[in-house]
Amino acid sequence: MGERIELADILRVAGPAFRAARAGRLSLAELKVMSAIENCRTAALGGHVEGCDACGHLRIAYNSCRNRHCPRCQGAAARDWLAQRQADLLPVGYFHVVFTLPAEIGTVAFQNKRAVYDLLFRASVETMATIAADPKHLGARIGLTAVLHTWGSAMTHHPHVHMIVPGGGLSPDGSRWIASRPAFLLPVRVLGALFRRLFLEGLATLHKAGKLAFHGALAHLADPRAFARHIAPTRRKRWVVYAKPPFAGPEAVLAYLSRYTHRVAISSRRVIAFDGRTVTFRVKDYRQDGAARHRTLTLEAGEFIRRFLLHVLPRGFHRIRHYGFLTGPNRKAGLDRIRQLLGAPPAPGPATTAPDTPEPPDIRPTCPCCGGAMRVVGTLLRWSQPRGPPTRPSPNREQSP
């Protein structure tokens, strides 16, 4: 089986031509993401040298870029994040709920990522909290974790929010736990109708306040009447809210979170072939069933990179957010109180070591040649491009005519 094709390989080969063809049209954030992924785990970022104590074998390990859009780096980030979230899991069923924006809104969202993505979070979470608090439905204060995804399987722009929701919530006075039905959380049609109203109201407020910008083919939407006509069809259509059956236990929740929380627009596992000009990768066609759902798509390398960069998030934008009883300064105490109401044991705390416990043995990577212990024997500095001192014209230099 051939060596896996990495996104970094595609960017290193096709990236220079892509930058040249779109000079002046790429944002600084997009250029930084490309550069970070291209340099990830290469000498450009430095690293260290490990040596075997037994046979003297040397191995070089380069540093990671740690960019949140890099497929290589998100695996370790997901593991660290999940270790922190494990203590938050409750002994109840968990539901997966998805809120999706219609295509007419997606075009507006792409040119106003920070404002519209934030509104997507606020409207979807308010929808869940409002319907859950209604005594006709659950009548409880819920908690949830929301994760923003902006892509479809073919890397087209498709903003939606995935939510992981415990099956129940606290009563209004906080004195008891109100459980949802085993296979039903909240009615999706009711959720969709309220989500549509809240989002469109928020979008109109943003437009009225001048917080939306429009460029190119959308420049005419700066006019309030044109904007109203653009979004009018979305007021009449059904907005999709999808709820999956509950997970089979906390372990399944963690397995799901590990796949979704730190996912990027495409992983290297989906890339099948790259010949320097075109990229072939696996996609899912959700309009098909069975074997027809899984197929491959081949794109010109520049189009592949363009689609990937559609999903670069604004700097400092949080794509994983917690709400309800899963957030706030009293979150840990609140979760402990819920476990008491459920009659469940408290969450395990951090492991402690007794004073007379011997120190654990030094755990170091093993040598691939002899199995001996490897230790760091050297450090590799980051590459730096040499620069000469700036040259300034002498004030006494005569000016040429």
Protein backbone atom coordinates (compact mmCIF):
# COMPACT_ATOMS: atom_id res chain seq x y z
CA MET A 1 0.00 0.00 0.00
CA GLY A 2 1.39 3.39 -0.95
CA GLU A 3 2.35 6.10 1.49
CA ARG A 4 -0.49 8.33 2.62
CA ILE A 5 -0.85 11.62 0.76
CA GLU A 6 -0.90 14.52 3.20
CA LEU A 7 -2.62 17.86 2.71
CA ALA A 8 0.81 19.43 3.26
CA ASP A 9 2.16 17.57 0.22
CA ILE A 10 -0.57 19.05 -1.98
CA LEU A 11 0.04 22.56 -0.66
CA ARG A 12 3.81 22.33 -1.14
CA VAL A 13 3.45 21.24 -4.77
CA ALA A 14 0.42 23.25 -5.91
CA GLY A 15 0.53 26.08 -3.38
CA PRO A 16 3.02 28.38 -5.17
CA ALA A 17 0.98 28.41 -8.40
CA PHE A 18 -2.21 28.91 -6.39
CA ARG A 19 -0.74 31.92 -4.57
CA ALA A 20 0.51 33.42 -7.83
CA ALA A 21 -2.84 32.99 -9.59
CA ARG A 22 -4.68 34.65 -6.68
CA ALA A 23 -2.15 37.29 -5.72
CA GLY A 24 -3.88 40.06 -3.82
CA ARG A 25 -7.07 38.04 -3.34
CA LEU A 26 -5.97 35.78 -0.47
CA SER A 27 -6.40 37.00 3.07
CA LEU A 28 -3.54 37.05 5.55
CA ALA A 29 -5.30 34.33 7.57
CA GLU A 30 -5.48 32.05 4.51
CA LEU A 31 -1.81 32.62 3.69
CA LYS A 32 -0.83 31.86 7.28
CA VAL A 33 -2.81 28.61 7.29
CA MET A 34 -1.16 27.49 4.06
CA SER A 35 2.31 28.33 5.37
CA ALA A 36 1.71 26.60 8.72
CA ILE A 37 0.50 23.36 7.14
CA GLU A 38 3.32 23.34 4.57
CA ASN A 39 5.95 23.74 7.31
CA CYS A 40 4.36 21.37 9.82
CA ARG A 41 6.82 18.71 11.02
CA THR A 42 9.60 19.96 8.80
CA ALA A 43 12.98 21.52 9.52
CA ALA A 44 11.42 24.94 9.03
CA LEU A 45 9.86 24.70 12.50
CA GLY A 46 12.84 23.15 14.23
CA GLY A 47 12.78 20.08 16.43
CA HIS A 48 15.09 17.80 18.36
CA VAL A 49 17.39 14.81 17.89
CA GLU A 50 16.88 11.64 19.92
CA GLY A 51 19.72 9.19 20.53
CA CYS A 52 19.67 5.60 21.75
CA ASP A 53 21.69 4.91 24.91
CA ALA A 54 22.45 1.35 23.79
CA CYS A 55 23.27 1.36 20.06
CA GLY A 56 23.67 5.06 19.33
CA HIS A 57 20.86 5.20 16.75
CA LEU A 58 19.78 8.79 16.01
CA ARG A 59 16.28 9.95 15.11
CA ILE A 60 15.06 13.43 14.17
CA ALA A 61 11.65 14.68 15.32
CA TYR A 62 10.40 17.96 13.89
CA ASN A 63 7.94 20.29 15.62
CA SER A 64 4.26 20.56 14.72
CA CYS A 65 2.63 23.80 13.59
CA ARG A 66 -0.32 23.40 16.02
CA ASN A 67 -2.58 25.28 13.65
CA ARG A 68 -6.23 24.34 14.24
CA HIS A 69 -6.78 23.89 10.51
CA CYS A 70 -3.94 21.35 10.16
CA PRO A 71 -5.10 17.71 9.89
CA ARG A 72 -1.84 16.44 11.37
CA CYS A 73 -2.05 18.50 14.55
CA GLN A 74 -5.70 18.04 15.44
CA GLY A 75 -5.37 14.42 16.53
CA ALA A 76 -3.24 15.31 19.56
CA ALA A 77 -5.39 18.37 20.29
CA ALA A 78 -8.52 16.20 20.27
CA ARG A 79 -6.99 13.70 22.71
CA ASP A 80 -6.04 16.44 25.16
CA TRP A 81 -9.48 18.04 24.90
CA LEU A 82 -11.29 14.73 25.42
CA ALA A 83 -9.24 13.94 28.52
CA GLN A 84 -10.51 17.20 30.03
CA ARG A 85 -14.14 16.52 29.00
CA GLN A 86 -14.33 12.95 30.29
CA ALA A 87 -15.14 14.12 33.83
CA ASP A 88 -18.12 16.10 32.46
CA LEU A 89 -19.99 13.04 31.20
CA LEU A 90 -23.16 12.13 33.04
CA PRO A 91 -24.68 8.62 33.37
CA VAL A 92 -27.57 9.49 31.03
CA GLY A 93 -28.36 9.09 27.36
CA TYR A 94 -26.90 11.68 24.99
CA PHE A 95 -28.47 13.03 21.81
CA HIS A 96 -26.89 14.43 18.65
CA VAL A 97 -28.71 17.46 17.19
CA VAL A 98 -27.69 19.35 14.02
CA PHE A 99 -28.78 22.88 13.00
CA THR A 100 -28.13 23.78 9.35
CA LEU A 101 -28.32 27.11 7.51
CA PRO A 102 -30.09 27.26 4.12
CA ALA A 103 -28.00 27.99 1.03
CA GLU A 104 -29.26 31.59 0.68
CA ILE A 105 -27.86 32.37 4.13
CA GLY A 106 -24.63 30.48 3.46
CA THR A 107 -23.56 32.98 0.81
CA VAL A 108 -24.04 35.83 3.29
CA ALA A 109 -22.25 33.86 6.00
CA PHE A 110 -19.14 33.34 3.88
CA GLN A 111 -18.53 37.10 3.54
CA ASN A 112 -19.38 37.72 7.22
CA LYS A 113 -17.97 34.70 8.97
CA ARG A 114 -17.50 36.07 12.47
CA ALA A 115 -20.90 37.78 12.71
CA VAL A 116 -23.02 35.08 11.07
CA TYR A 117 -21.27 32.06 12.62
CA ASP A 118 -21.66 33.65 16.04
CA LEU A 119 -25.35 34.27 15.30
CA LEU A 120 -25.68 30.61 14.26
CA PHE A 121 -24.40 29.57 17.68
CA ARG A 122 -26.64 32.00 19.55
CA ALA A 123 -29.84 31.25 17.64
CA SER A 124 -29.45 27.45 17.75
CA VAL A 125 -28.57 27.38 21.45
CA GLU A 126 -31.42 29.76 22.35
CA THR A 127 -33.76 27.53 20.37
CA MET A 128 -32.71 24.43 22.31
CA ALA A 129 -32.86 26.18 25.67
CA THR A 130 -36.26 27.77 25.00
CA ILE A 131 -38.02 24.62 23.80
CA ALA A 132 -36.42 22.48 26.51
CA ALA A 133 -37.56 24.91 29.21
CA ASP A 134 -41.15 24.83 27.93
CA PRO A 135 -43.28 22.67 30.31
CA LYS A 136 -45.11 21.28 27.26
CA HIS A 137 -41.89 19.59 26.20
CA LEU A 138 -39.16 18.93 28.78
CA GLY A 139 -39.56 21.76 31.28
CA ALA A 140 -35.89 21.72 32.25
CA ARG A 141 -32.65 23.67 32.04
CA ILE A 142 -30.34 21.71 29.77
CA GLY A 143 -26.63 21.75 29.01
CA LEU A 144 -24.94 21.09 25.72
CA THR A 145 -21.70 21.19 23.75
CA ALA A 146 -21.88 22.81 20.30
CA VAL A 147 -19.31 22.39 17.51
CA LEU A 148 -19.27 24.48 14.31
CA HIS A 149 -18.62 22.80 10.98
CA THR A 150 -18.59 24.87 7.80
CA TRP A 151 -18.09 22.18 5.16
CA GLY A 152 -19.91 19.46 3.32
CA SER A 153 -18.28 16.22 2.27
CA ALA A 154 -17.02 17.79 -0.98
CA MET A 155 -15.57 20.76 0.99
CA THR A 156 -18.26 23.14 -0.28
CA HIS A 157 -19.41 25.88 2.09
CA HIS A 158 -22.11 24.37 4.31
CA PRO A 159 -22.34 26.00 7.78
CA HIS A 160 -23.99 23.89 10.48
CA VAL A 161 -23.70 23.24 14.20
CA HIS A 162 -23.43 19.82 15.81
CA MET A 163 -24.69 19.55 19.38
CA ILE A 164 -24.15 16.85 21.98
CA VAL A 165 -27.02 17.13 24.48
CA PRO A 166 -27.58 15.09 27.67
CA GLY A 167 -31.01 13.48 27.71
CA GLY A 168 -32.58 15.64 30.39
CA GLY A 169 -32.01 18.70 32.51
CA LEU A 170 -32.47 20.37 35.86
CA SER A 171 -35.89 21.43 37.10
CA PRO A 172 -36.44 25.22 37.29
CA ASP A 173 -35.68 25.22 41.03
CA GLY A 174 -32.67 22.91 40.59
CA SER A 175 -34.05 20.35 43.03
CA ARG A 176 -34.42 17.38 40.68
CA TRP A 177 -33.30 15.90 37.38
CA ILE A 178 -35.94 15.70 34.64
CA ALA A 179 -35.13 12.91 32.21
CA SER A 180 -36.16 12.95 28.58
CA ARG A 181 -37.89 10.02 26.97
CA PRO A 182 -35.43 7.23 26.09
CA ALA A 183 -35.43 7.84 22.31
CA PHE A 184 -36.84 11.36 22.06
CA LEU A 185 -35.49 14.71 23.20
CA LEU A 186 -37.39 17.59 21.56
CA PRO A 187 -39.63 17.91 18.44
CA VAL A 188 -37.47 18.84 15.45
CA ARG A 189 -40.22 20.72 13.58
CA VAL A 190 -40.79 22.99 16.57
CA LEU A 191 -37.04 23.49 16.88
CA GLY A 192 -36.74 24.33 13.18
CA ALA A 193 -39.52 26.93 13.25
CA LEU A 194 -38.12 28.77 16.27
CA PHE A 195 -34.55 28.55 14.94
CA ARG A 196 -35.67 30.15 11.65
CA ARG A 197 -37.39 33.03 13.42
CA LEU A 198 -34.56 33.72 15.87
CA PHE A 199 -31.86 33.56 13.22
CA LEU A 200 -33.65 35.77 10.68
CA GLU A 201 -34.45 38.33 13.37
CA GLY A 202 -30.80 38.38 14.41
CA LEU A 203 -29.64 38.63 10.81
CA ALA A 204 -31.95 41.58 10.14
CA THR A 205 -30.59 43.29 13.27
CA LEU A 206 -27.01 42.81 12.07
CA HIS A 207 -27.87 44.27 8.64
CA LYS A 208 -29.67 47.25 10.14
CA ALA A 209 -26.72 47.96 12.43
CA GLY A 210 -24.31 47.92 9.49
CA LYS A 211 -22.41 44.89 10.78
CA LEU A 212 -22.65 42.92 7.53
CA ALA A 213 -20.33 43.57 4.58
CA PHE A 214 -21.02 42.56 0.99
CA HIS A 215 -18.56 42.32 -1.88
CA GLY A 216 -18.50 41.26 -5.49
CA ALA A 217 -21.70 39.60 -6.69
CA LEU A 218 -23.36 40.28 -3.33
CA ALA A 219 -22.59 44.02 -3.22
CA HIS A 220 -26.22 44.87 -4.02
CA LEU A 221 -27.33 43.25 -0.75
CA ALA A 222 -26.09 46.30 1.14
CA ASP A 223 -29.42 47.85 0.12
CA PRO A 224 -32.07 46.87 2.71
CA ARG A 225 -34.73 46.12 0.10
CA ALA A 226 -32.43 43.90 -1.94
CA PHE A 227 -31.38 42.10 1.22
CA ALA A 228 -35.00 41.55 2.23
CA ARG A 229 -35.76 40.08 -1.20
CA HIS A 230 -32.72 37.80 -0.96
CA ILE A 231 -33.75 36.20 2.32
CA ALA A 232 -37.52 36.23 1.66
CA PRO A 233 -37.55 32.63 0.30
CA THR A 234 -35.97 31.35 3.52
CA ARG A 235 -38.96 32.59 5.54
CA ARG A 236 -41.24 30.18 3.69
CA LYS A 237 -39.08 27.05 3.63
CA ARG A 238 -38.55 24.55 6.38
CA TRP A 239 -35.22 24.89 8.16
CA VAL A 240 -33.59 21.55 8.77
CA VAL A 241 -32.95 20.45 12.34
CA TYR A 242 -31.83 16.85 12.59
CA ALA A 243 -31.82 14.71 15.74
CA LYS A 244 -30.12 11.33 15.85
CA PRO A 245 -31.04 8.55 18.30
CA PRO A 246 -29.18 8.63 21.62
CA PHE A 247 -25.68 7.24 21.96
CA ALA A 248 -25.06 3.84 23.54
CA GLY A 249 -23.29 4.99 26.69
CA PRO A 250 -20.60 7.53 27.66
CA GLU A 251 -17.89 5.68 25.75
CA ALA A 252 -19.82 6.16 22.52
CA VAL A 253 -20.18 9.86 23.29
CA LEU A 254 -16.43 10.22 23.71
CA ALA A 255 -15.79 8.27 20.50
CA TYR A 256 -18.16 10.58 18.64
CA LEU A 257 -16.64 13.72 20.11
CA SER A 258 -13.17 12.55 19.13
CA ARG A 259 -14.34 12.46 15.50
CA TYR A 260 -16.17 15.77 15.44
CA THR A 261 -14.69 18.34 17.82
CA HIS A 262 -11.33 18.84 16.12
CA ARG A 263 -12.19 17.74 12.60
CA VAL A 264 -10.97 19.90 9.72
CA ALA A 265 -12.45 20.29 6.24
CA ILE A 266 -10.62 17.21 4.94
CA SER A 267 -8.40 14.57 6.50
CA SER A 268 -5.48 12.91 4.77
CA ARG A 269 -7.25 9.55 5.03
CA ARG A 270 -9.80 10.73 2.46
CA VAL A 271 -7.20 11.70 -0.17
CA ILE A 272 -6.70 8.85 -2.63
CA ALA A 273 -4.44 10.28 -5.34
CA PHE A 274 -2.49 13.39 -6.27
CA ASP A 275 -0.56 13.64 -9.53
CA GLY A 276 0.61 17.23 -9.20
CA ARG A 277 -2.34 18.62 -11.19
CA THR A 278 -5.47 16.93 -9.78
CA VAL A 279 -6.57 15.60 -6.40
CA THR A 280 -8.92 12.63 -5.95
CA PHE A 281 -10.62 12.12 -2.60
CA ARG A 282 -13.53 10.25 -1.04
CA VAL A 283 -16.88 11.99 -0.53
CA LYS A 284 -20.36 11.05 0.68
CA ASP A 285 -23.48 11.87 -1.27
CA TYR A 286 -26.16 12.04 1.42
CA ARG A 287 -28.90 12.11 -1.22
CA GLN A 288 -28.04 8.49 -2.08
CA ASP A 289 -28.44 5.32 -0.06
CA GLY A 290 -26.33 2.23 0.25
CA ALA A 291 -23.13 1.83 -1.74
CA ALA A 292 -24.02 4.75 -4.02
CA ARG A 293 -23.53 7.13 -1.10
CA HIS A 294 -19.77 6.62 -1.13
CA ARG A 295 -17.92 7.81 -4.21
CA THR A 296 -14.79 9.70 -5.26
CA LEU A 297 -14.37 13.24 -6.55
CA THR A 298 -11.47 14.60 -8.62
CA LEU A 299 -10.67 18.31 -8.56
CA GLU A 300 -7.99 20.46 -10.12
CA ALA A 301 -5.40 21.11 -7.41
CA GLY A 302 -6.09 24.85 -7.31
CA GLU A 303 -9.82 24.24 -6.87
CA PHE A 304 -9.07 21.72 -4.11
CA ILE A 305 -6.99 24.30 -2.24
CA ARG A 306 -9.64 26.99 -2.81
CA ARG A 307 -12.32 24.80 -1.28
CA PHE A 308 -10.11 23.98 1.70
CA LEU A 309 -9.48 27.67 2.38
CA LEU A 310 -13.22 28.40 2.38
CA HIS A 311 -13.22 27.01 5.92
CA VAL A 312 -10.48 29.10 7.51
CA LEU A 313 -12.05 30.63 10.61
CA PRO A 314 -11.55 34.21 11.83
CA ARG A 315 -8.73 34.64 14.29
CA GLY A 316 -9.79 33.95 17.86
CA PHE A 317 -13.16 32.50 16.87
CA HIS A 318 -14.18 29.60 19.15
CA ARG A 319 -15.71 26.73 17.20
CA ILE A 320 -16.34 24.55 20.28
CA ARG A 321 -18.63 26.07 22.90
CA HIS A 322 -20.41 24.86 26.04
CA TYR A 323 -23.76 26.11 27.32
CA GLY A 324 -26.22 25.68 30.17
CA PHE A 325 -25.03 23.65 33.14
CA LEU A 326 -21.88 22.68 31.18
CA THR A 327 -20.41 26.17 31.48
CA GLY A 328 -19.81 28.89 34.05
CA PRO A 329 -17.62 29.20 37.15
CA ASN A 330 -19.79 26.71 39.11
CA ARG A 331 -19.81 24.06 36.39
CA LYS A 332 -17.96 21.39 38.38
CA ALA A 333 -20.11 21.86 41.48
CA GLY A 334 -23.23 21.82 39.32
CA LEU A 335 -22.24 18.54 37.66
CA ASP A 336 -21.48 17.01 41.05
CA ARG A 337 -24.97 18.08 42.20
CA ILE A 338 -26.54 16.44 39.12
CA ARG A 339 -24.70 13.20 39.85
CA GLN A 340 -26.10 13.27 43.38
CA LEU A 341 -29.61 13.73 42.00
CA LEU A 342 -29.03 10.79 39.67
CA GLY A 343 -27.62 8.64 42.47
CA ALA A 344 -24.36 8.26 40.56
CA PRO A 345 -20.83 8.20 42.05
CA PRO A 346 -18.82 11.42 41.82
CA ALA A 347 -16.52 11.96 38.90
CA PRO A 348 -12.98 10.65 39.47
CA GLY A 349 -10.61 13.41 40.51
CA PRO A 350 -6.99 13.83 39.43
CA ALA A 351 -4.75 11.03 40.55
CA THR A 352 -2.68 11.80 43.65
CA THR A 353 0.55 10.21 44.78
CA ALA A 354 1.30 9.39 48.41
CA PRO A 355 4.46 10.95 49.86
CA ASP A 356 6.18 7.57 50.30
CA THR A 357 5.26 6.28 46.84
CA PRO A 358 8.38 5.72 44.74
CA GLU A 359 8.77 7.81 41.61
CA PRO A 360 7.55 6.05 38.46
CA PRO A 361 10.25 4.85 36.10
CA ASP A 362 11.41 7.24 33.41
CA ILE A 363 9.23 6.60 30.36
CA ARG A 364 11.06 7.41 27.15
CA PRO A 365 10.51 6.38 23.55
CA THR A 366 12.19 3.14 22.54
CA CYS A 367 14.79 2.67 19.84
CA PRO A 368 13.41 1.12 16.62
CA CYS A 369 16.70 -0.80 16.17
CA CYS A 370 17.43 -2.40 19.55
CA GLY A 371 14.55 -1.41 21.84
CA GLY A 372 16.74 0.70 24.08
CA ALA A 373 15.70 4.00 25.61
CA MET A 374 15.94 7.14 23.47
CA ARG A 375 16.85 10.50 24.95
CA VAL A 376 17.09 14.00 23.54
CA VAL A 377 20.68 14.72 22.55
CA GLY A 378 20.27 17.87 20.50
CA THR A 379 17.94 20.68 19.48
CA LEU A 380 17.24 21.89 15.97
CA LEU A 381 16.51 25.58 15.61
CA ARG A 382 13.86 26.94 13.32
CA TRP A 383 14.92 27.98 9.88
CA SER A 384 15.35 31.71 9.49
CA GLN A 385 15.91 33.55 6.28
CA PRO A 386 19.06 35.71 6.42
CA ARG A 387 18.40 39.41 6.08
CA GLY A 388 20.84 42.17 5.53
CA PRO A 389 20.61 45.47 7.35
CA PRO A 390 18.17 47.99 5.85
CA THR A 391 19.74 50.41 3.43
CA ARG A 392 18.86 54.07 3.63
CA PRO A 393 20.04 56.80 1.30
CA SER A 394 22.70 58.97 2.89
CA PRO A 395 21.42 62.49 3.64
CA ASN A 396 24.61 63.86 2.09
CA ARG A 397 24.28 61.83 -1.09
CA GLU A 398 23.75 63.96 -4.12
CA GLN A 399 20.47 63.42 -5.91
CA SER A 400 20.78 62.49 -9.56
CA PRO A 401 19.04 64.87 -11.91
